[in-house]
Protein backbone atom coordinates (compact mmCIF):
# COMPACT_ATOMS: atom_id res chain seq x y z
CA MET A 1 0.00 0.00 0.00
CA THR A 2 1.26 3.48 -0.79
CA ARG A 3 0.54 6.69 1.02
CA GLY A 4 0.07 9.99 -0.78
CA GLN A 5 1.28 13.21 0.79
CA SER A 6 -0.61 16.46 0.27
CA GLY A 7 0.78 19.97 0.37
CA ARG A 8 -0.89 20.38 3.78
CA PRO A 9 0.38 17.49 5.90
CA TRP A 10 -1.99 18.29 8.78
CA SER A 11 -5.42 18.54 7.20
CA ALA A 12 -8.73 16.76 6.92
CA LEU A 13 -7.41 15.08 3.78
CA ALA A 14 -4.27 13.77 5.50
CA LEU A 15 -6.03 12.46 8.60
CA LEU A 16 -9.12 11.05 6.92
CA GLY A 17 -6.96 9.54 4.19
CA ALA A 18 -4.98 7.76 6.87
CA LEU A 19 -8.12 6.45 8.53
CA LEU A 20 -9.94 5.35 5.38
CA GLY A 21 -6.83 4.11 3.63
CA SER A 22 -6.10 1.74 6.47
CA LEU A 23 -9.22 -0.21 5.54
CA ALA A 24 -8.10 -0.79 1.96
CA CYS A 25 -5.05 -2.96 2.59
CA GLY A 26 -5.41 -6.64 1.85
CA ALA A 27 -3.34 -9.55 3.10
CA THR A 28 -0.76 -11.18 0.85
CA ARG A 29 1.36 -14.24 1.26
CA SER A 30 4.64 -13.23 2.87
CA THR A 31 7.62 -14.48 4.77
CA GLU A 32 10.08 -13.07 7.26
CA ARG A 33 13.83 -13.24 6.91
CA VAL A 34 16.68 -11.79 8.94
CA PHE A 35 19.47 -9.74 7.42
CA ASN A 36 22.13 -7.87 9.40
CA GLY A 37 20.22 -8.55 12.60
CA ARG A 38 16.92 -7.10 11.36
CA THR A 39 13.77 -9.03 10.52
CA GLU A 40 12.43 -8.07 7.09
CA GLN A 41 8.89 -8.83 5.95
CA GLY A 42 8.63 -9.69 2.30
CA ARG A 43 6.90 -11.78 -0.33
CA TYR A 44 7.20 -15.53 -0.32
CA ILE A 45 10.26 -17.07 -2.06
CA ASP A 46 10.33 -20.75 -2.99
CA SER A 47 12.67 -23.05 -1.09
CA GLN A 48 15.47 -23.30 -3.67
CA ALA A 49 15.48 -19.58 -4.31
CA TYR A 50 15.45 -18.94 -0.59
CA ALA A 51 18.41 -21.27 -0.05
CA ALA A 52 20.42 -19.36 -2.65
CA TYR A 53 19.24 -16.06 -1.17
CA THR A 54 20.35 -17.16 2.30
CA GLU A 55 23.77 -18.11 0.93
CA GLY A 56 24.00 -14.69 -0.72
CA ALA A 57 23.13 -12.93 2.52
CA TYR A 58 25.76 -14.96 4.39
CA ARG A 59 28.46 -14.19 1.82
CA GLU A 60 27.50 -10.53 1.70
CA ALA A 61 27.69 -10.23 5.47
CA HIS A 62 31.23 -11.67 5.32
CA GLY A 63 32.42 -9.37 2.55
CA ASP A 64 32.43 -11.97 -0.23
CA TRP A 65 30.82 -9.67 -2.78
CA ALA A 66 31.46 -11.84 -5.85
CA GLY A 67 30.16 -14.96 -4.14
CA ALA A 68 27.12 -13.07 -2.86
CA GLU A 69 26.29 -11.79 -6.34
CA LEU A 70 26.51 -15.30 -7.82
CA ALA A 71 24.25 -16.69 -5.09
CA TYR A 72 21.70 -13.90 -5.54
CA ARG A 73 21.70 -14.46 -9.31
CA ARG A 74 20.98 -18.16 -8.75
CA ALA A 75 18.11 -17.15 -6.51
CA LEU A 76 16.82 -14.75 -9.17
CA LEU A 77 16.77 -17.55 -11.75
CA ARG A 78 14.38 -19.44 -9.46
CA ASP A 79 12.28 -16.37 -8.62
CA GLY A 80 12.54 -13.50 -11.07
CA GLN A 81 9.71 -11.58 -9.35
CA SER A 82 11.47 -11.06 -6.03
CA PRO A 83 12.13 -7.43 -5.03
CA GLN A 84 14.22 -8.73 -2.12
CA ILE A 85 16.71 -10.49 -4.41
CA LEU A 86 16.86 -7.56 -6.83
CA THR A 87 17.47 -5.19 -3.93
CA ARG A 88 20.46 -7.17 -2.69
CA LEU A 89 21.84 -7.33 -6.24
CA GLY A 90 21.50 -3.55 -6.37
CA VAL A 91 23.48 -3.21 -3.14
CA ILE A 92 26.26 -5.40 -4.51
CA ALA A 93 26.29 -3.59 -7.88
CA CYS A 94 26.54 -0.18 -6.19
CA ARG A 95 30.12 -0.98 -5.21
CA GLN A 96 31.17 -0.84 -8.89
CA SER A 97 28.43 0.63 -11.07
CA LEU A 98 25.76 3.12 -10.04
CA PRO A 99 23.74 2.76 -13.28
CA ARG A 100 23.64 -1.03 -12.88
CA ALA A 101 22.63 -0.68 -9.23
CA LEU A 102 19.83 1.73 -10.11
CA ARG A 103 18.49 -0.68 -12.72
CA HIS A 104 18.23 -3.39 -10.06
CA PHE A 105 16.46 -1.02 -7.64
CA GLU A 106 14.08 0.15 -10.36
CA ARG A 107 13.18 -3.44 -11.22
CA ALA A 108 12.59 -4.16 -7.53
CA THR A 109 10.26 -1.21 -6.97
CA ALA A 110 8.43 -1.88 -10.24
CA LEU A 111 7.48 -5.27 -8.82
CA GLU A 112 6.45 -3.97 -5.41
CA GLU A 113 6.62 -0.76 -3.38
CA TYR A 114 9.30 -2.36 -1.21
CA ALA A 115 10.69 -0.07 1.50
CA PRO A 116 14.15 -1.74 1.76
CA ALA A 117 14.66 -1.23 -1.98
CA TRP A 118 14.08 2.50 -1.61
CA LEU A 119 16.31 2.57 1.48
CA GLU A 120 19.19 0.82 -0.30
CA ARG A 121 18.70 3.05 -3.34
CA ALA A 122 19.03 6.07 -1.05
CA ARG A 123 22.17 4.67 0.57
CA CYS A 124 23.70 3.89 -2.81
CA LEU A 125 22.99 7.37 -4.20
CA GLY A 126 24.26 8.94 -1.00
CA SER A 127 27.52 7.01 -1.26
CA GLN A 128 27.96 8.54 -4.72
CA GLN A 129 27.44 12.10 -3.35
CA LYS A 130 24.04 12.42 -5.00
CA ALA A 131 22.26 13.83 -1.97
CA ALA A 132 19.10 15.19 -3.63
CA PRO A 133 17.94 11.94 -5.32
CA ALA A 134 19.14 10.02 -2.27
CA LEU A 135 16.89 12.12 -0.06
CA GLN A 136 13.95 11.59 -2.41
CA ALA A 137 14.45 7.81 -2.22
CA ALA A 138 14.85 7.89 1.58
CA LEU A 139 11.61 9.83 1.98
CA ARG A 140 9.83 7.27 -0.17
CA SER A 141 11.20 4.49 2.02
CA VAL A 142 10.07 6.22 5.19
CA ASP A 143 6.61 6.69 3.66
CA LEU A 144 6.41 2.92 3.28
CA ASP A 145 8.04 2.05 6.63
CA PRO A 146 7.55 5.02 8.99
CA GLU A 147 8.91 3.23 12.08
CA SER A 148 12.27 2.30 10.58
CA ALA A 149 14.96 3.85 12.76
CA GLU A 150 17.65 3.45 10.11
CA THR A 151 15.52 5.16 7.46
CA ASN A 152 14.52 8.09 9.68
CA LEU A 153 18.15 8.62 10.66
CA LEU A 154 19.17 8.48 7.02
CA VAL A 155 16.60 11.14 6.14
CA ALA A 156 18.02 13.43 8.83
CA ARG A 157 21.60 12.79 7.66
CA LEU A 158 20.72 13.52 4.04
CA TYR A 159 18.97 16.75 5.04
CA ARG A 160 22.15 17.73 6.87
CA GLU A 161 24.36 16.81 3.91
CA SER A 162 22.03 18.76 1.60
CA ALA A 163 22.69 21.92 3.64
CA GLN A 164 19.22 21.80 5.22
CA PRO A 165 20.15 21.63 8.92
CA ALA A 166 16.83 23.11 10.08
CA ARG A 167 14.93 20.25 8.46
CA ALA A 168 17.42 17.71 9.84
CA ARG A 169 17.02 19.03 13.39
CA ALA A 170 13.23 19.18 13.12
CA TRP A 171 13.04 15.67 11.69
CA LEU A 172 15.19 14.21 14.49
CA PHE A 173 13.35 16.18 17.16
CA ALA A 174 9.86 15.14 16.09
CA TRP A 175 10.82 11.55 15.27
CA LEU A 176 12.57 11.12 18.61
CA LEU A 177 9.52 12.21 20.59
CA LEU A 178 7.13 10.06 18.56
CA GLU A 179 9.24 6.92 18.19
CA PRO A 180 8.49 4.21 20.78
CA GLU A 181 11.63 2.13 20.16
CA LEU A 182 15.14 3.03 19.06
CA GLY A 183 16.69 -0.42 19.11
CA ASP A 184 20.43 -0.37 18.52
CA ARG A 185 20.32 3.02 16.79
CA SER A 186 20.69 5.13 19.93
CA ALA A 187 24.39 5.86 19.42
CA GLU A 188 23.79 6.81 15.79
CA LEU A 189 21.00 9.17 16.82
CA LEU A 190 23.26 10.88 19.36
CA ARG A 191 26.12 11.15 16.84
CA GLU A 192 23.82 12.70 14.23
CA SER A 193 22.51 15.28 16.70
CA GLU A 194 26.07 16.22 17.65
CA LEU A 195 27.11 16.56 14.00
CA LEU A 196 24.36 19.15 13.67
CA ALA A 197 26.13 21.12 16.43
CA ASP A 198 22.78 21.66 18.14
CA ALA A 199 23.30 21.68 21.90
CA GLU A 200 19.56 21.76 22.66
CA LEU A 201 18.85 18.76 20.44
CA SER A 202 21.82 16.82 21.83
CA LEU A 203 20.60 17.50 25.36
CA LEU A 204 17.11 16.32 24.43
CA VAL A 205 18.52 13.17 22.83
CA ARG A 206 20.60 12.35 25.89
CA GLY A 207 17.63 12.95 28.17
CA GLU A 208 15.32 10.77 26.10
CA LEU A 209 17.88 7.98 25.94
CA GLN A 210 18.35 8.12 29.71
CA LYS A 211 14.59 7.96 30.27
CA ARG A 212 14.25 4.99 27.94
CA ALA A 213 17.10 3.22 29.68
CA ALA A 214 15.17 3.54 32.97
CA PRO A 215 11.46 3.67 31.96
CA SER A 216 10.24 3.22 35.52
CA VAL A 217 11.79 6.52 36.64
CA ARG A 218 9.40 9.45 36.34
CA GLU A 219 10.65 12.94 35.63
CA PRO A 220 9.98 15.16 38.69
CA ASN A 221 9.00 18.06 36.44
CA ASP A 222 6.59 16.08 34.29
CA SER A 223 4.28 18.74 32.92
CA ARG A 224 1.53 16.55 31.50
CA PRO A 225 -1.99 17.33 32.75
CA GLY A 226 -3.09 15.40 35.81
CA ARG A 227 0.42 14.24 36.79
CA ALA A 228 1.55 14.59 40.38
CA GLY A 229 4.37 17.00 39.50
CA ASN A 230 1.90 19.46 37.95
CA ARG A 231 -1.34 18.88 39.85
CA PRO A 232 -4.17 21.24 38.87
CA PRO A 233 -5.70 23.33 41.67
CA ALA A 234 -7.96 21.35 44.00
CA ALA A 235 -10.87 23.72 43.42
CA LEU A 236 -10.61 23.20 39.68
CA LEU A 237 -10.64 19.43 40.07
CA ALA A 238 -13.63 19.68 42.41
CA ALA A 239 -15.53 21.74 39.83
CA LEU A 240 -14.79 19.16 37.15
CA ARG A 241 -15.91 16.30 39.39
CA ALA A 242 -19.15 18.18 40.02
CA GLY A 243 -19.66 18.61 36.28
CA GLU A 244 -19.41 22.39 36.51
CA LEU A 245 -17.54 23.22 33.34
CA ASP A 246 -18.29 26.96 33.43
CA GLN A 247 -16.88 27.21 36.95
CA ALA A 248 -13.89 25.12 35.92
CA ARG A 249 -13.21 27.56 33.08
CA GLU A 250 -13.22 30.49 35.50
CA LEU A 251 -10.87 28.70 37.89
CA ALA A 252 -8.58 27.71 35.03
CA ALA A 253 -8.37 31.31 33.87
CA GLU A 254 -7.49 32.44 37.41
CA ALA A 255 -4.73 29.79 37.54
CA HIS A 256 -3.45 30.82 34.07
CA ILE A 257 -4.26 27.38 32.66
CA PRO A 258 -4.85 27.61 28.89
CA PRO A 259 -8.28 26.53 27.59
CA LEU A 260 -6.78 23.61 25.67
CA GLN A 261 -5.02 22.39 28.80
CA LEU A 262 -8.35 22.45 30.62
CA ALA A 263 -9.79 19.99 28.08
CA LEU A 264 -6.85 17.65 28.65
CA ILE A 265 -7.09 17.98 32.44
CA ALA A 266 -10.78 17.08 32.36
CA THR A 267 -10.14 13.97 30.25
CA ALA A 268 -7.15 12.93 32.36
CA ASN A 269 -9.21 13.23 35.55
CA ALA A 270 -12.10 10.94 34.60
CA LYS A 271 -14.31 13.63 33.10
CA PRO A 272 -13.87 13.04 29.37
CA GLU A 273 -17.39 14.32 28.65
CA LEU A 274 -16.26 17.74 29.92
CA GLY A 275 -13.00 17.44 28.01
CA LEU A 276 -15.01 16.79 24.85
CA ALA A 277 -17.32 19.74 25.52
CA GLN A 278 -14.35 22.06 26.13
CA ALA A 279 -12.59 20.86 22.98
CA GLU A 280 -15.66 21.37 20.84
CA LEU A 281 -16.12 24.85 22.29
CA LEU A 282 -12.58 25.70 21.21
CA LEU A 283 -13.26 24.29 17.76
CA ASP A 284 -16.41 26.40 17.49
CA ALA A 285 -14.25 29.45 18.16
CA ASN A 286 -11.44 28.34 15.82
CA PRO A 287 -12.16 25.44 13.43
CA ARG A 288 -8.45 25.32 12.58
CA ASP A 289 -7.37 24.60 16.17
CA SER A 290 -5.60 21.27 15.64
CA GLY A 291 -4.78 20.91 19.33
CA ALA A 292 -8.46 21.17 20.25
CA LEU A 293 -9.31 18.61 17.59
CA VAL A 294 -6.85 16.08 19.00
CA ALA A 295 -8.03 16.78 22.56
CA GLY A 296 -11.61 16.12 21.45
CA LEU A 297 -10.65 12.88 19.72
CA LEU A 298 -8.90 11.66 22.86
CA ALA A 299 -11.93 12.48 25.00
CA ALA A 300 -14.37 10.84 22.54
CA ALA A 301 -12.21 7.71 22.46
CA GLN A 302 -12.19 7.49 26.25
CA LEU A 303 -15.96 7.87 26.25
CA SER A 304 -16.27 5.21 23.51
CA ASP A 305 -18.48 7.77 21.77
CA GLU A 306 -18.29 6.76 18.12
CA ARG A 307 -20.62 9.54 16.98
CA ALA A 308 -18.49 12.20 18.63
CA PHE A 309 -15.30 10.61 17.27
CA ARG A 310 -16.60 10.70 13.70
CA ARG A 311 -18.13 14.14 14.15
CA LEU A 312 -14.75 15.51 15.18
CA LEU A 313 -13.01 13.87 12.24
CA ARG A 314 -15.42 15.64 9.90
CA ARG A 315 -14.30 18.90 11.48
CA ALA A 316 -10.60 18.23 10.78
CA GLU A 317 -9.85 21.45 8.92
CA GLY A 318 -6.74 22.61 10.73
CA ASN A 319 -3.43 23.09 8.97
CA GLU A 320 -1.53 24.02 12.15
CA VAL A 321 0.79 21.51 13.79
CA PRO A 322 -0.54 20.15 17.10
CA PRO A 323 1.74 20.09 20.17
CA LEU A 324 4.11 17.13 20.30
CA GLU A 325 2.48 15.50 23.31
CA LEU A 326 -0.90 15.55 21.58
CA ALA A 327 0.69 14.10 18.46
CA GLN A 328 2.05 11.25 20.56
CA SER A 329 -1.36 10.67 22.12
CA LEU A 330 -3.12 10.67 18.76
CA THR A 331 -0.57 8.18 17.41
CA VAL A 332 -1.38 5.80 20.26
CA LEU A 333 -5.12 6.37 19.83
CA LEU A 334 -5.13 5.72 16.09
CA ARG A 335 -3.01 2.61 16.54
CA ALA A 336 -5.44 1.23 19.12
CA ARG A 337 -8.64 2.23 17.32
CA LEU A 338 -7.80 1.89 13.62
CA GLY A 339 -4.53 -0.02 13.37
CA ASP A 340 -0.92 0.54 12.39
CA GLU A 341 -1.59 1.97 8.92
CA ALA A 342 -3.69 4.84 10.26
CA ALA A 343 -1.24 5.60 13.07
CA ASP A 344 1.79 5.46 10.81
CA SER A 345 0.18 7.65 8.14
CA TRP A 346 -0.69 10.31 10.71
CA ARG A 347 2.75 10.06 12.30
CA GLN A 348 4.44 10.52 8.94
CA ALA A 349 2.27 13.53 8.07
CA TYR A 350 3.22 15.04 11.42
CA LEU A 351 6.95 14.54 10.82
CA ARG A 352 6.70 16.29 7.47
CA ALA A 353 4.69 19.15 8.96
CA ILE A 354 7.29 19.68 11.68
CA ALA A 355 10.11 19.70 9.13
CA ASP A 356 8.23 22.12 6.85
CA ARG A 357 7.48 24.47 9.73
CA ALA A 358 11.12 24.48 10.85
CA THR A 359 12.28 25.27 7.32
CA ASN A 360 9.81 28.14 6.97
CA ARG A 361 11.06 29.63 10.25
CA ALA A 362 14.76 29.18 9.48
CA PRO A 363 16.66 32.44 8.97
């Protein structure tokens, strides 16, 4: 399945496309194989082709490029419709001939929109100092596999090498805060942030890595609504418990709590119906308030109110970028309610919006 990207990454089209598109994907016969320590999902390969492919992967991993190419070619004779085999042949060919490598990658992606083929094409082009087409290929790969740490890091590196440091920083920043797992790419992430000479980003990376190394430790200055370190005023909570939203608004104003934060506080403190009402009030005042839209979706999901959930989606007109914490929450919500395709499509649109915004603000 492919995902189209509009000129307005955060819009009704982007979000609804993610939700509806997730229903259109069918199941195909596939198999998993491991290469360089990573499990790759791909189409089925018959046993003889797979044996030759496995030999090729072994030889490639041990630097026997000629032997790997011969093994992959034997595999291709048994299965000429395999994007996996063609991709590995492209990787091998890139060591000597860029045009030959690109032909292999083009054959692979003509057979299937295969994320590893686009990733290896990007790496190959990058190794030949062709940063612009390499970046284009890397972005296509990340469209197809948004959670790939290696691909997201490659996108950031190619932005940096293309003299677009603002986009590189924004991409790393947003991806870091949205990505649930880093795997063995933590050191590479830190190195990339340091190459950008961005002290703030490096500090954020180190902090995130420390938190992930000890997930049970809670930050004492956690600023999320309803957390112990940032407890709303007792009178405000009492008003919410009593269902007095008007009074809660007055108390929130006195405590300098923004209206959007009030919606989140209500939902986090077992009053999602008030959180929904507050979010919809904000949307009435500003239909383009993306933060209010996400807050409403979270409240509707907690209420299991399908009508409200769909009603809010129909109001998705905003082209502003929601706060990062709300983006994280919406990613989790979409994954739980509508599956990985919807969550990943939204997450990818958010990454692009963050990068575009950073570029527009760059001096």
